Each structure stands twice: as structure tokens, then as C-alpha cells.
């Protein structure tokens, strides 16, 4: 795989999770373009109330974001997070 392909797939994986969470939030008629607001609402309404497991919480999304940054750093030759 080329660097571009790896970056592309990491980006798609991250945004797939983000838009899946936005779709769940839409059930409450909640929408925001800010990632932090989308994740906060999901945590408050769905994780805290036990509808979704905690591993889908903000920490999971942030771990994915950190992993994305680390892989981007490795690919570009920069120091990863």
C-alpha cells in the first residue's frame, strides 16, 4: 500500500465512526458539525444510559484519533503521538 492509500483508509475509518455516531444522535434530533459536541451528546444520551457499551465512548474515539495521528507521523516520517 502506498502512503496515500494508508492515509485514505485511516481517514475513512475515523469518519465512518464519526458519522455512525452522528446518525445515532439524529434519533434525538441532535446535530452538530463539531466532533466534540457529537461525541459528548452520544456519551450523555447513549453511553451513560447504558444503551451502548462504554467502549464506544469518547475515550474510544480519542484513541482512534491518537492512533490516526501516530500512523500519519510514521508515514510522513514525523514523530508519532
N, C-alpha and C. Protein backbone atom coordinates (compact mmCIF):
# COMPACT_ATOMS: atom_id res chain seq x y z
N UNK A 1 0.84 -1.19 0.00
CA UNK A 1 0.00 0.00 0.00
C UNK A 1 0.88 1.25 0.00
N UNK A 2 0.45 2.24 -0.69
CA UNK A 2 1.19 3.50 -0.70
C UNK A 2 0.81 4.32 0.53
N UNK A 3 1.59 5.33 0.81
CA UNK A 3 1.29 6.23 1.94
C UNK A 3 -0.08 6.86 1.77
N UNK A 4 -0.38 7.27 0.55
CA UNK A 4 -1.67 7.89 0.28
C UNK A 4 -2.81 6.93 0.60
N UNK A 5 -2.68 5.68 0.20
CA UNK A 5 -3.74 4.70 0.45
C UNK A 5 -3.93 4.46 1.94
N UNK A 6 -2.85 4.36 2.68
CA UNK A 6 -2.94 4.16 4.13
C UNK A 6 -3.64 5.34 4.77
N UNK A 7 -3.24 6.54 4.43
CA UNK A 7 -3.89 7.74 4.97
C UNK A 7 -5.37 7.76 4.62
N UNK A 8 -5.68 7.43 3.39
CA UNK A 8 -7.06 7.41 2.94
C UNK A 8 -7.91 6.46 3.78
N UNK A 9 -7.41 5.26 4.01
CA UNK A 9 -8.17 4.26 4.76
C UNK A 9 -8.31 4.62 6.24
N UNK A 10 -7.27 5.18 6.81
CA UNK A 10 -7.36 5.63 8.21
C UNK A 10 -8.39 6.73 8.33
N UNK A 11 -8.36 7.66 7.41
CA UNK A 11 -9.32 8.76 7.42
C UNK A 11 -10.74 8.24 7.28
N UNK A 12 -10.96 7.30 6.38
CA UNK A 12 -12.30 6.74 6.17
C UNK A 12 -12.78 5.99 7.40
N UNK A 13 -11.90 5.27 8.06
CA UNK A 13 -12.28 4.55 9.28
C UNK A 13 -12.72 5.53 10.37
N UNK A 14 -11.94 6.58 10.55
CA UNK A 14 -12.27 7.57 11.57
C UNK A 14 -13.63 8.21 11.27
N UNK A 15 -13.82 8.67 10.04
CA UNK A 15 -15.07 9.34 9.70
C UNK A 15 -16.26 8.39 9.65
N UNK A 16 -16.04 7.12 9.40
CA UNK A 16 -17.13 6.15 9.47
C UNK A 16 -17.69 6.08 10.88
N UNK A 17 -16.80 6.06 11.86
CA UNK A 17 -17.24 6.05 13.27
C UNK A 17 -17.94 7.35 13.61
N UNK A 18 -17.36 8.47 13.19
CA UNK A 18 -17.94 9.78 13.49
C UNK A 18 -19.36 9.88 12.92
N UNK A 19 -19.54 9.50 11.67
CA UNK A 19 -20.87 9.63 11.05
C UNK A 19 -21.85 8.59 11.58
N UNK A 20 -21.38 7.45 12.02
CA UNK A 20 -22.27 6.47 12.66
C UNK A 20 -22.81 7.05 13.97
N UNK A 21 -21.95 7.70 14.74
CA UNK A 21 -22.38 8.33 15.99
C UNK A 21 -23.34 9.48 15.69
N UNK A 22 -23.06 10.26 14.64
CA UNK A 22 -23.98 11.34 14.25
C UNK A 22 -25.35 10.78 13.88
N UNK A 23 -25.39 9.63 13.22
CA UNK A 23 -26.66 9.02 12.83
C UNK A 23 -27.47 8.61 14.06
N UNK A 24 -26.80 8.07 15.05
CA UNK A 24 -27.49 7.70 16.29
C UNK A 24 -28.01 8.97 16.97
N UNK A 25 -27.20 10.01 17.02
CA UNK A 25 -27.61 11.26 17.64
C UNK A 25 -28.82 11.88 16.92
N UNK A 26 -28.95 11.62 15.64
CA UNK A 26 -30.07 12.17 14.88
C UNK A 26 -31.41 11.62 15.38
N UNK A 27 -31.38 10.48 16.04
CA UNK A 27 -32.61 9.94 16.63
C UNK A 27 -33.20 10.91 17.66
N UNK A 28 -32.32 11.72 18.27
CA UNK A 28 -32.75 12.75 19.23
C UNK A 28 -32.90 14.11 18.56
N UNK A 29 -32.78 14.14 17.26
CA UNK A 29 -32.81 15.39 16.50
C UNK A 29 -31.63 16.31 16.90
N UNK A 30 -30.53 15.69 17.29
CA UNK A 30 -29.33 16.44 17.64
C UNK A 30 -28.37 16.40 16.46
N UNK A 31 -27.81 17.57 16.13
CA UNK A 31 -26.82 17.63 15.07
C UNK A 31 -25.80 18.70 15.40
N UNK A 32 -24.58 18.45 15.05
CA UNK A 32 -23.50 19.41 15.22
C UNK A 32 -22.39 19.01 14.27
N UNK A 33 -21.66 19.99 13.80
CA UNK A 33 -20.51 19.68 12.95
C UNK A 33 -19.25 19.51 13.79
N UNK A 34 -19.32 19.92 15.05
CA UNK A 34 -18.15 19.79 15.94
C UNK A 34 -18.06 18.37 16.47
N UNK A 35 -16.92 17.76 16.27
CA UNK A 35 -16.73 16.39 16.72
C UNK A 35 -16.93 16.27 18.23
N UNK A 36 -16.42 17.23 18.98
CA UNK A 36 -16.54 17.16 20.44
C UNK A 36 -18.00 17.20 20.88
N UNK A 37 -18.83 17.99 20.22
CA UNK A 37 -20.26 18.04 20.57
C UNK A 37 -20.97 16.73 20.22
N UNK A 38 -20.64 16.17 19.08
CA UNK A 38 -21.26 14.91 18.65
C UNK A 38 -20.92 13.80 19.65
N UNK A 39 -19.66 13.72 20.03
CA UNK A 39 -19.22 12.69 20.96
C UNK A 39 -19.81 12.92 22.35
N UNK A 40 -19.84 14.17 22.80
CA UNK A 40 -20.40 14.48 24.11
C UNK A 40 -21.88 14.10 24.20
N UNK A 41 -22.64 14.42 23.17
CA UNK A 41 -24.07 14.08 23.17
C UNK A 41 -24.25 12.56 23.18
N UNK A 42 -23.49 11.87 22.36
CA UNK A 42 -23.56 10.41 22.31
C UNK A 42 -23.26 9.82 23.68
N UNK A 43 -22.21 10.30 24.31
CA UNK A 43 -21.86 9.79 25.65
C UNK A 43 -22.96 10.06 26.65
N UNK A 44 -23.49 11.26 26.65
CA UNK A 44 -24.51 11.66 27.62
C UNK A 44 -25.81 10.88 27.43
N UNK A 45 -26.25 10.75 26.22
CA UNK A 45 -27.56 10.15 25.96
C UNK A 45 -27.54 8.63 25.79
N UNK A 46 -26.45 8.08 25.30
CA UNK A 46 -26.46 6.67 24.94
C UNK A 46 -25.50 5.81 25.76
N UNK A 47 -24.32 6.33 26.04
CA UNK A 47 -23.36 5.54 26.82
C UNK A 47 -23.72 5.60 28.30
N UNK A 48 -23.96 6.81 28.80
CA UNK A 48 -24.27 6.98 30.21
C UNK A 48 -25.55 6.22 30.60
N UNK A 49 -26.51 6.17 29.70
CA UNK A 49 -27.77 5.47 29.98
C UNK A 49 -27.71 3.98 29.68
N UNK A 50 -26.55 3.47 29.29
CA UNK A 50 -26.35 2.05 29.10
C UNK A 50 -26.89 1.49 27.78
N UNK A 51 -27.24 2.36 26.86
CA UNK A 51 -27.76 1.89 25.56
C UNK A 51 -26.62 1.33 24.71
N UNK A 52 -25.47 1.98 24.77
CA UNK A 52 -24.27 1.48 24.10
C UNK A 52 -23.20 1.24 25.16
N UNK A 53 -22.32 0.27 24.94
CA UNK A 53 -21.26 -0.01 25.91
C UNK A 53 -20.24 1.12 25.99
N UNK A 54 -19.56 1.17 27.12
CA UNK A 54 -18.59 2.25 27.35
C UNK A 54 -17.43 2.25 26.36
N UNK A 55 -17.13 1.10 25.76
CA UNK A 55 -16.01 1.09 24.83
C UNK A 55 -16.30 1.87 23.55
N UNK A 56 -17.54 2.32 23.38
CA UNK A 56 -17.88 3.19 22.25
C UNK A 56 -17.89 4.65 22.68
N UNK A 57 -17.41 4.90 23.85
CA UNK A 57 -17.44 6.26 24.40
C UNK A 57 -16.35 7.13 23.82
N UNK A 58 -16.30 8.33 24.35
CA UNK A 58 -15.33 9.33 23.91
C UNK A 58 -13.90 8.79 23.92
N UNK A 59 -13.55 8.02 24.94
CA UNK A 59 -12.18 7.52 25.02
C UNK A 59 -11.84 6.65 23.82
N UNK A 60 -12.81 5.88 23.33
CA UNK A 60 -12.58 5.06 22.15
C UNK A 60 -12.31 5.93 20.93
N UNK A 61 -13.12 6.95 20.75
CA UNK A 61 -12.93 7.84 19.61
C UNK A 61 -11.60 8.56 19.73
N UNK A 62 -11.24 9.01 20.91
CA UNK A 62 -9.97 9.71 21.08
C UNK A 62 -8.79 8.76 20.85
N UNK A 63 -8.93 7.50 21.27
CA UNK A 63 -7.85 6.54 20.99
C UNK A 63 -7.67 6.37 19.49
N UNK A 64 -8.77 6.31 18.77
CA UNK A 64 -8.69 6.19 17.31
C UNK A 64 -8.01 7.42 16.72
N UNK A 65 -8.35 8.59 17.24
CA UNK A 65 -7.75 9.84 16.75
C UNK A 65 -6.24 9.85 17.01
N UNK A 66 -5.84 9.41 18.20
CA UNK A 66 -4.42 9.36 18.55
C UNK A 66 -3.70 8.35 17.65
N UNK A 67 -4.32 7.20 17.44
CA UNK A 67 -3.72 6.19 16.56
C UNK A 67 -3.57 6.74 15.16
N UNK A 68 -4.57 7.46 14.69
CA UNK A 68 -4.52 8.08 13.36
C UNK A 68 -3.34 9.03 13.28
N UNK A 69 -3.16 9.87 14.30
CA UNK A 69 -2.03 10.81 14.32
C UNK A 69 -0.70 10.06 14.35
N UNK A 70 -0.64 8.99 15.14
CA UNK A 70 0.60 8.22 15.25
C UNK A 70 0.95 7.60 13.90
N UNK A 71 -0.02 7.01 13.23
CA UNK A 71 0.24 6.39 11.94
C UNK A 71 0.62 7.44 10.90
N UNK A 72 -0.08 8.59 10.92
CA UNK A 72 0.29 9.66 9.99
C UNK A 72 1.74 10.08 10.22
N UNK A 73 2.16 10.16 11.49
CA UNK A 73 3.52 10.54 11.80
C UNK A 73 4.51 9.52 11.28
N UNK A 74 4.20 8.24 11.44
CA UNK A 74 5.08 7.19 10.96
C UNK A 74 5.19 7.23 9.44
N UNK A 75 4.08 7.49 8.78
CA UNK A 75 4.06 7.51 7.33
C UNK A 75 4.83 8.70 6.78
N UNK A 76 4.65 9.86 7.43
CA UNK A 76 5.29 11.07 6.92
C UNK A 76 6.72 11.24 7.41
N UNK A 77 7.14 10.34 8.34
CA UNK A 77 8.50 10.45 8.86
C UNK A 77 8.60 11.35 10.07
N UNK A 78 7.47 11.87 10.55
CA UNK A 78 7.47 12.70 11.74
C UNK A 78 7.33 11.82 12.97
N UNK A 79 7.55 12.40 14.11
CA UNK A 79 7.35 11.67 15.36
C UNK A 79 5.88 11.45 15.59
N UNK A 80 5.48 10.23 15.91
CA UNK A 80 4.09 9.94 16.21
C UNK A 80 3.74 10.38 17.60
N UNK A 81 2.45 10.39 17.90
CA UNK A 81 1.97 10.78 19.23
C UNK A 81 2.21 9.65 20.17
